N, C-alpha and C. Protein backbone atom coordinates (compact mmCIF):
# COMPACT_ATOMS: atom_id res chain seq x y z
N MET A 1 83.28 -10.90 -50.73
CA MET A 1 83.77 -11.83 -49.59
C MET A 1 83.19 -11.32 -48.32
N LYS A 2 83.34 -9.89 -48.13
CA LYS A 2 83.23 -9.43 -46.86
C LYS A 2 81.42 -9.44 -46.47
N LYS A 3 80.56 -9.27 -47.57
CA LYS A 3 79.14 -9.43 -47.41
C LYS A 3 78.94 -10.92 -46.97
N ILE A 4 79.55 -11.90 -47.63
CA ILE A 4 79.35 -13.30 -47.35
C ILE A 4 79.67 -13.51 -45.78
N LEU A 5 80.91 -13.00 -45.45
CA LEU A 5 81.29 -13.15 -43.95
C LEU A 5 80.37 -12.59 -42.99
N ILE A 6 79.83 -11.38 -43.40
CA ILE A 6 79.01 -10.79 -42.38
C ILE A 6 77.61 -11.56 -42.36
N ALA A 7 77.10 -12.05 -43.48
CA ALA A 7 75.77 -12.84 -43.42
C ALA A 7 76.00 -14.11 -42.68
N ILE A 8 77.21 -14.84 -42.81
CA ILE A 8 77.36 -16.03 -42.17
C ILE A 8 77.41 -15.68 -40.57
N ALA A 9 78.11 -14.55 -40.07
CA ALA A 9 78.09 -14.27 -38.75
C ALA A 9 76.64 -13.92 -38.24
N VAL A 10 75.92 -13.30 -39.03
CA VAL A 10 74.55 -13.05 -38.55
C VAL A 10 73.69 -14.35 -38.29
N MET A 11 73.99 -15.28 -39.44
CA MET A 11 73.43 -16.54 -39.19
C MET A 11 73.65 -17.27 -38.06
N PHE A 12 74.96 -17.30 -37.80
CA PHE A 12 75.57 -18.06 -36.50
C PHE A 12 74.96 -17.25 -35.31
N GLN A 13 74.89 -15.98 -35.28
CA GLN A 13 74.30 -15.26 -34.15
C GLN A 13 73.02 -15.82 -33.68
N PHE A 14 72.06 -15.88 -34.77
CA PHE A 14 70.77 -16.36 -34.56
C PHE A 14 70.62 -17.67 -34.09
N SER A 15 71.68 -18.63 -34.49
CA SER A 15 71.56 -20.07 -34.27
C SER A 15 72.08 -20.41 -32.77
N VAL A 16 72.87 -19.54 -32.16
CA VAL A 16 73.32 -19.78 -30.80
C VAL A 16 72.80 -19.00 -29.64
N TRP A 17 71.71 -18.20 -30.02
CA TRP A 17 70.97 -17.64 -28.93
C TRP A 17 70.50 -18.49 -27.85
N ALA A 18 70.01 -19.74 -28.13
CA ALA A 18 69.32 -20.63 -27.26
C ALA A 18 70.42 -21.62 -26.65
N GLN A 19 71.58 -21.27 -26.95
CA GLN A 19 72.67 -22.29 -26.58
C GLN A 19 73.62 -21.57 -25.83
N SER A 20 74.54 -22.07 -24.95
CA SER A 20 75.64 -21.68 -24.24
C SER A 20 76.94 -22.38 -24.74
N PRO A 21 77.56 -21.69 -25.83
CA PRO A 21 78.70 -22.22 -26.29
C PRO A 21 79.88 -22.16 -25.29
N LYS A 22 80.87 -23.09 -25.54
CA LYS A 22 82.03 -23.03 -24.62
C LYS A 22 83.10 -21.96 -25.06
N LEU A 23 83.10 -21.69 -26.30
CA LEU A 23 84.03 -20.67 -26.94
C LEU A 23 83.36 -19.63 -27.62
N ILE A 24 84.05 -18.51 -27.75
CA ILE A 24 83.47 -17.50 -28.73
C ILE A 24 84.76 -17.27 -29.68
N ALA A 25 84.52 -17.50 -30.93
CA ALA A 25 85.50 -17.38 -31.92
C ALA A 25 85.36 -16.08 -32.65
N VAL A 26 86.17 -15.09 -32.55
CA VAL A 26 86.20 -13.78 -33.10
C VAL A 26 87.31 -13.75 -34.30
N ILE A 27 86.75 -13.61 -35.33
CA ILE A 27 87.60 -13.33 -36.51
C ILE A 27 87.76 -12.00 -36.88
N ASN A 28 88.92 -11.39 -36.73
CA ASN A 28 89.25 -9.98 -37.07
C ASN A 28 89.47 -9.86 -38.59
N HIS A 29 88.59 -9.33 -39.19
CA HIS A 29 88.74 -9.40 -40.82
C HIS A 29 88.80 -7.93 -41.20
N ALA A 30 89.64 -7.63 -42.38
CA ALA A 30 89.65 -6.28 -42.88
C ALA A 30 89.82 -6.42 -44.44
N ASP A 31 89.11 -5.54 -45.22
CA ASP A 31 89.29 -5.71 -46.57
C ASP A 31 90.60 -5.41 -47.15
N TRP A 32 91.47 -4.57 -46.45
CA TRP A 32 92.74 -4.22 -46.84
C TRP A 32 93.69 -5.21 -46.47
N CYS A 33 93.40 -6.29 -45.62
CA CYS A 33 94.23 -7.03 -45.16
C CYS A 33 94.78 -8.21 -45.97
N PRO A 34 96.02 -8.30 -46.35
CA PRO A 34 96.61 -9.28 -47.34
C PRO A 34 96.22 -10.80 -46.95
N SER A 35 96.17 -11.06 -45.51
CA SER A 35 96.05 -12.31 -45.07
C SER A 35 94.64 -12.63 -45.25
N CYS A 36 93.79 -11.73 -44.91
CA CYS A 36 92.25 -11.89 -45.16
C CYS A 36 91.89 -12.27 -46.51
N LYS A 37 92.69 -11.52 -47.55
CA LYS A 37 92.28 -11.65 -49.02
C LYS A 37 92.90 -12.98 -49.39
N ALA A 38 93.98 -13.43 -48.92
CA ALA A 38 94.50 -14.63 -49.51
C ALA A 38 93.86 -15.90 -48.92
N HIS A 39 93.40 -15.70 -47.62
CA HIS A 39 92.94 -17.00 -46.93
C HIS A 39 91.31 -16.86 -46.58
N GLY A 40 90.76 -15.77 -47.06
CA GLY A 40 89.41 -15.64 -46.75
C GLY A 40 88.38 -16.86 -47.21
N ASP A 41 88.59 -17.14 -48.38
CA ASP A 41 87.92 -18.31 -48.97
C ASP A 41 88.07 -19.50 -48.22
N ARG A 42 89.25 -19.82 -48.08
CA ARG A 42 89.59 -21.07 -47.31
C ARG A 42 89.09 -21.13 -46.02
N ILE A 43 89.16 -20.01 -45.15
CA ILE A 43 88.60 -19.95 -43.84
C ILE A 43 87.15 -20.18 -43.85
N TYR A 44 86.44 -19.53 -44.73
CA TYR A 44 85.21 -19.80 -45.00
C TYR A 44 84.68 -21.05 -45.17
N LYS A 45 85.29 -21.89 -46.26
CA LYS A 45 84.95 -23.16 -46.53
C LYS A 45 85.37 -24.20 -45.63
N GLU A 46 86.50 -24.19 -44.96
CA GLU A 46 87.24 -25.13 -44.17
C GLU A 46 87.12 -24.93 -42.69
N PHE A 47 86.83 -23.70 -42.36
CA PHE A 47 86.79 -23.45 -40.84
C PHE A 47 85.28 -22.99 -40.42
N ILE A 48 84.89 -21.91 -41.11
CA ILE A 48 83.52 -21.21 -40.62
C ILE A 48 82.51 -22.33 -40.95
N ASN A 49 82.51 -22.97 -42.19
CA ASN A 49 81.38 -23.75 -42.45
C ASN A 49 81.36 -25.24 -41.52
N GLN A 50 82.43 -25.35 -40.82
CA GLN A 50 82.59 -26.62 -40.12
C GLN A 50 82.38 -26.42 -38.63
N ILE A 51 81.97 -25.19 -38.29
CA ILE A 51 81.94 -24.79 -36.76
C ILE A 51 80.74 -25.55 -36.16
N ASP A 52 80.97 -26.01 -34.97
CA ASP A 52 79.93 -26.80 -34.22
C ASP A 52 79.31 -25.53 -33.30
N THR A 53 78.15 -25.11 -33.80
CA THR A 53 77.51 -23.77 -33.24
C THR A 53 77.01 -24.13 -31.72
N ALA A 54 77.02 -25.51 -31.35
CA ALA A 54 76.68 -25.76 -30.00
C ALA A 54 77.85 -25.54 -28.91
N SER A 55 79.08 -25.68 -29.61
CA SER A 55 80.19 -25.41 -28.79
C SER A 55 80.91 -24.01 -28.89
N ILE A 56 80.77 -23.55 -30.20
CA ILE A 56 81.51 -22.16 -30.44
C ILE A 56 80.33 -21.14 -31.17
N ARG A 57 80.58 -20.09 -30.51
CA ARG A 57 79.92 -18.88 -31.19
C ARG A 57 80.87 -18.07 -32.01
N LEU A 58 80.39 -17.80 -33.24
CA LEU A 58 81.25 -17.07 -34.14
C LEU A 58 80.99 -15.67 -34.33
N ILE A 59 81.93 -14.82 -34.37
CA ILE A 59 81.64 -13.34 -34.66
C ILE A 59 82.78 -12.98 -35.63
N ILE A 60 82.28 -12.39 -36.57
CA ILE A 60 83.22 -11.72 -37.63
C ILE A 60 83.41 -10.21 -37.24
N ASN A 61 84.40 -9.65 -36.79
CA ASN A 61 84.78 -8.46 -36.28
C ASN A 61 85.52 -7.74 -37.35
N ASP A 62 84.66 -6.82 -38.22
CA ASP A 62 85.19 -6.17 -39.32
C ASP A 62 85.95 -4.84 -38.92
N VAL A 63 87.25 -4.97 -39.02
CA VAL A 63 88.14 -3.85 -38.53
C VAL A 63 88.70 -3.07 -39.69
N THR A 64 87.88 -3.09 -40.87
CA THR A 64 88.30 -2.35 -42.24
C THR A 64 88.42 -0.89 -41.90
N SER A 65 87.42 -0.36 -41.13
CA SER A 65 87.23 1.14 -40.96
C SER A 65 86.47 1.45 -39.70
N GLU A 66 86.39 2.68 -39.23
CA GLU A 66 85.73 2.98 -38.07
C GLU A 66 84.26 2.77 -38.36
N ALA A 67 83.67 2.85 -39.61
CA ALA A 67 82.23 2.64 -39.72
C ALA A 67 82.03 1.11 -39.53
N SER A 68 83.00 0.20 -40.05
CA SER A 68 82.68 -1.19 -40.12
C SER A 68 83.03 -1.72 -38.67
N LYS A 69 83.74 -1.02 -37.82
CA LYS A 69 84.00 -1.44 -36.43
C LYS A 69 82.67 -1.17 -35.65
N GLU A 70 82.12 0.01 -35.95
CA GLU A 70 80.81 0.30 -35.24
C GLU A 70 79.84 -0.67 -35.60
N LYS A 71 79.86 -1.14 -36.86
CA LYS A 71 78.75 -2.25 -37.17
C LYS A 71 79.04 -3.60 -36.49
N SER A 72 80.29 -3.76 -36.25
CA SER A 72 80.55 -5.04 -35.62
C SER A 72 80.45 -4.95 -34.12
N LYS A 73 80.49 -3.72 -33.52
CA LYS A 73 80.47 -3.42 -32.08
C LYS A 73 79.15 -4.30 -31.36
N PRO A 74 77.93 -4.19 -31.81
CA PRO A 74 76.82 -4.76 -31.38
C PRO A 74 77.03 -6.29 -31.10
N LEU A 75 77.50 -6.89 -32.13
CA LEU A 75 77.79 -8.36 -31.99
C LEU A 75 78.82 -8.79 -30.89
N LEU A 76 79.92 -7.76 -30.86
CA LEU A 76 80.84 -8.15 -29.74
C LEU A 76 80.18 -7.83 -28.50
N GLU A 77 79.60 -6.78 -28.32
CA GLU A 77 78.81 -6.39 -27.09
C GLU A 77 77.81 -7.54 -26.63
N ASP A 78 77.02 -8.09 -27.56
CA ASP A 78 76.07 -9.05 -27.27
C ASP A 78 76.77 -10.26 -26.52
N ALA A 79 77.88 -10.63 -27.25
CA ALA A 79 78.67 -11.92 -26.69
C ALA A 79 79.58 -11.58 -25.49
N GLY A 80 79.48 -10.25 -25.18
CA GLY A 80 80.09 -9.90 -23.89
C GLY A 80 81.68 -9.70 -24.04
N VAL A 81 82.19 -9.57 -25.27
CA VAL A 81 83.49 -9.63 -25.57
C VAL A 81 84.17 -8.22 -26.16
N ALA A 82 83.30 -7.07 -26.12
CA ALA A 82 83.62 -5.81 -26.59
C ALA A 82 84.96 -5.35 -25.79
N GLU A 83 84.98 -5.38 -24.53
CA GLU A 83 86.28 -5.07 -23.83
C GLU A 83 87.30 -5.86 -24.18
N THR A 84 87.23 -7.16 -24.11
CA THR A 84 88.28 -8.02 -24.53
C THR A 84 89.04 -7.63 -25.96
N MET A 85 88.09 -7.32 -26.77
CA MET A 85 88.57 -7.21 -28.16
C MET A 85 88.96 -5.80 -28.43
N LYS A 86 88.90 -4.96 -27.51
CA LYS A 86 89.57 -3.42 -27.68
C LYS A 86 91.01 -3.62 -27.85
N SER A 87 91.66 -4.46 -27.21
CA SER A 87 93.08 -4.61 -27.16
C SER A 87 93.61 -5.58 -28.23
N GLU A 88 92.61 -6.26 -29.05
CA GLU A 88 93.03 -7.15 -30.15
C GLU A 88 92.66 -6.44 -31.36
N LYS A 89 93.69 -5.79 -31.88
CA LYS A 89 93.55 -4.93 -33.09
C LYS A 89 93.94 -5.57 -34.35
N SER A 90 94.68 -6.66 -34.29
CA SER A 90 95.36 -7.35 -35.56
C SER A 90 94.14 -7.97 -36.41
N SER A 91 94.39 -7.68 -37.68
CA SER A 91 93.41 -8.38 -38.60
C SER A 91 94.09 -9.66 -39.08
N GLY A 92 93.22 -10.43 -39.68
CA GLY A 92 93.67 -11.77 -40.12
C GLY A 92 93.99 -12.86 -39.11
N MET A 93 93.31 -12.56 -37.97
CA MET A 93 93.40 -13.28 -36.76
C MET A 93 92.25 -13.89 -36.18
N ILE A 94 92.18 -15.09 -35.73
CA ILE A 94 91.10 -15.74 -35.00
C ILE A 94 91.45 -15.75 -33.44
N PHE A 95 90.57 -15.00 -32.64
CA PHE A 95 90.73 -15.28 -31.26
C PHE A 95 89.75 -16.14 -30.80
N LEU A 96 90.19 -17.14 -29.97
CA LEU A 96 89.38 -18.17 -29.19
C LEU A 96 89.26 -17.64 -27.62
N ILE A 97 87.98 -17.28 -27.42
CA ILE A 97 87.78 -16.75 -26.08
C ILE A 97 86.76 -17.51 -25.24
N ASP A 98 87.18 -17.69 -23.96
CA ASP A 98 86.42 -18.43 -23.02
C ASP A 98 85.06 -17.56 -22.85
N SER A 99 84.05 -18.47 -23.13
CA SER A 99 82.53 -17.76 -22.98
C SER A 99 82.25 -17.32 -21.59
N THR A 100 82.92 -17.90 -20.68
CA THR A 100 82.49 -17.38 -19.18
C THR A 100 83.44 -16.41 -18.75
N THR A 101 84.75 -16.47 -18.86
CA THR A 101 85.56 -15.39 -18.37
C THR A 101 85.81 -14.33 -19.38
N LYS A 102 85.53 -14.65 -20.52
CA LYS A 102 85.57 -13.54 -21.71
C LYS A 102 87.16 -13.28 -21.84
N LYS A 103 88.04 -14.17 -21.66
CA LYS A 103 89.42 -14.02 -21.63
C LYS A 103 90.01 -14.75 -23.04
N VAL A 104 90.85 -14.25 -23.65
CA VAL A 104 91.46 -14.97 -24.84
C VAL A 104 92.30 -16.12 -24.42
N ILE A 105 91.80 -17.36 -24.86
CA ILE A 105 92.66 -18.51 -24.59
C ILE A 105 93.70 -18.79 -25.48
N LYS A 106 93.36 -18.48 -26.74
CA LYS A 106 94.44 -18.52 -27.84
C LYS A 106 94.10 -17.70 -28.99
N SER A 107 95.10 -17.23 -29.76
CA SER A 107 94.87 -16.74 -31.08
C SER A 107 95.80 -17.25 -32.07
N ILE A 108 95.27 -17.17 -33.28
CA ILE A 108 95.93 -17.81 -34.41
C ILE A 108 95.52 -17.13 -35.64
N GLY A 109 96.65 -16.99 -36.63
CA GLY A 109 96.40 -16.51 -37.83
C GLY A 109 95.59 -17.02 -38.80
N VAL A 110 94.85 -16.42 -39.61
CA VAL A 110 94.09 -17.22 -40.71
C VAL A 110 95.09 -17.68 -41.76
N ASN A 111 96.24 -17.26 -41.65
CA ASN A 111 97.24 -17.78 -42.64
C ASN A 111 97.76 -19.24 -42.24
N LYS A 112 97.34 -19.64 -41.08
CA LYS A 112 97.92 -21.07 -40.56
C LYS A 112 97.01 -21.99 -41.34
N SER A 113 97.51 -23.11 -41.36
CA SER A 113 96.76 -24.27 -42.11
C SER A 113 95.46 -24.54 -41.37
N THR A 114 94.50 -25.11 -42.09
CA THR A 114 93.22 -25.55 -41.31
C THR A 114 93.44 -26.49 -40.24
N GLU A 115 94.40 -27.38 -40.39
CA GLU A 115 94.75 -28.43 -39.45
C GLU A 115 95.28 -27.68 -38.27
N GLU A 116 96.24 -26.58 -38.33
CA GLU A 116 96.58 -25.99 -37.17
C GLU A 116 95.56 -25.12 -36.37
N ILE A 117 94.69 -24.54 -37.30
CA ILE A 117 93.49 -23.79 -36.71
C ILE A 117 92.65 -24.64 -36.07
N ASN A 118 92.23 -25.88 -36.50
CA ASN A 118 91.33 -26.90 -35.84
C ASN A 118 92.01 -27.35 -34.57
N LYS A 119 93.20 -27.62 -34.58
CA LYS A 119 93.93 -28.11 -33.47
C LYS A 119 93.97 -27.09 -32.28
N SER A 120 94.20 -25.77 -32.64
CA SER A 120 93.86 -24.80 -31.77
C SER A 120 92.66 -24.60 -31.10
N VAL A 121 91.63 -24.72 -31.90
CA VAL A 121 90.33 -24.86 -31.39
C VAL A 121 89.95 -26.06 -30.57
N ALA A 122 90.44 -27.28 -30.85
CA ALA A 122 90.37 -28.36 -30.04
C ALA A 122 90.97 -28.22 -28.83
N GLU A 123 92.13 -27.61 -28.72
CA GLU A 123 92.95 -27.34 -27.47
C GLU A 123 92.19 -26.35 -26.55
N ALA A 124 91.69 -25.32 -27.14
CA ALA A 124 90.89 -24.30 -26.45
C ALA A 124 89.73 -24.88 -25.71
N LEU A 125 88.90 -25.75 -26.67
CA LEU A 125 87.86 -26.44 -26.02
C LEU A 125 88.11 -27.42 -24.79
N LYS A 126 89.31 -28.03 -24.93
CA LYS A 126 89.57 -28.93 -23.77
C LYS A 126 89.94 -28.20 -22.35
N LYS A 127 90.29 -26.92 -22.71
CA LYS A 127 90.68 -25.95 -21.67
C LYS A 127 89.32 -25.51 -20.70
N LYS A 128 88.18 -25.75 -21.49
CA LYS A 128 86.98 -25.34 -20.94
C LYS A 128 86.52 -26.54 -20.18
């Protein structure tokens, strides 16, 4: 699952270079996280696959280990949210970040329903 999420994140990184998304969605994932394990497939199918890359830039922040954090760091830096995410250490969370201010607008657990997650995204987009 981890390799799939990382591949998806890289794919989305390339697709948004020429665009200016309104939000940055950072998913803190860890291999040892019970919520990530329980909800990873659903998040992939019902959230990640449905993201409008013109409006939202997706980053999978792997917080499994120090080595995985170092691998995720360039993606966070490229999006300008590395400093923002230093204080957001919880796994199994989706952080919706304003692409201009780099401040977290809203965070929601991956254990929430797809409807709740989509509602949070819609609310965050309206704040932009």
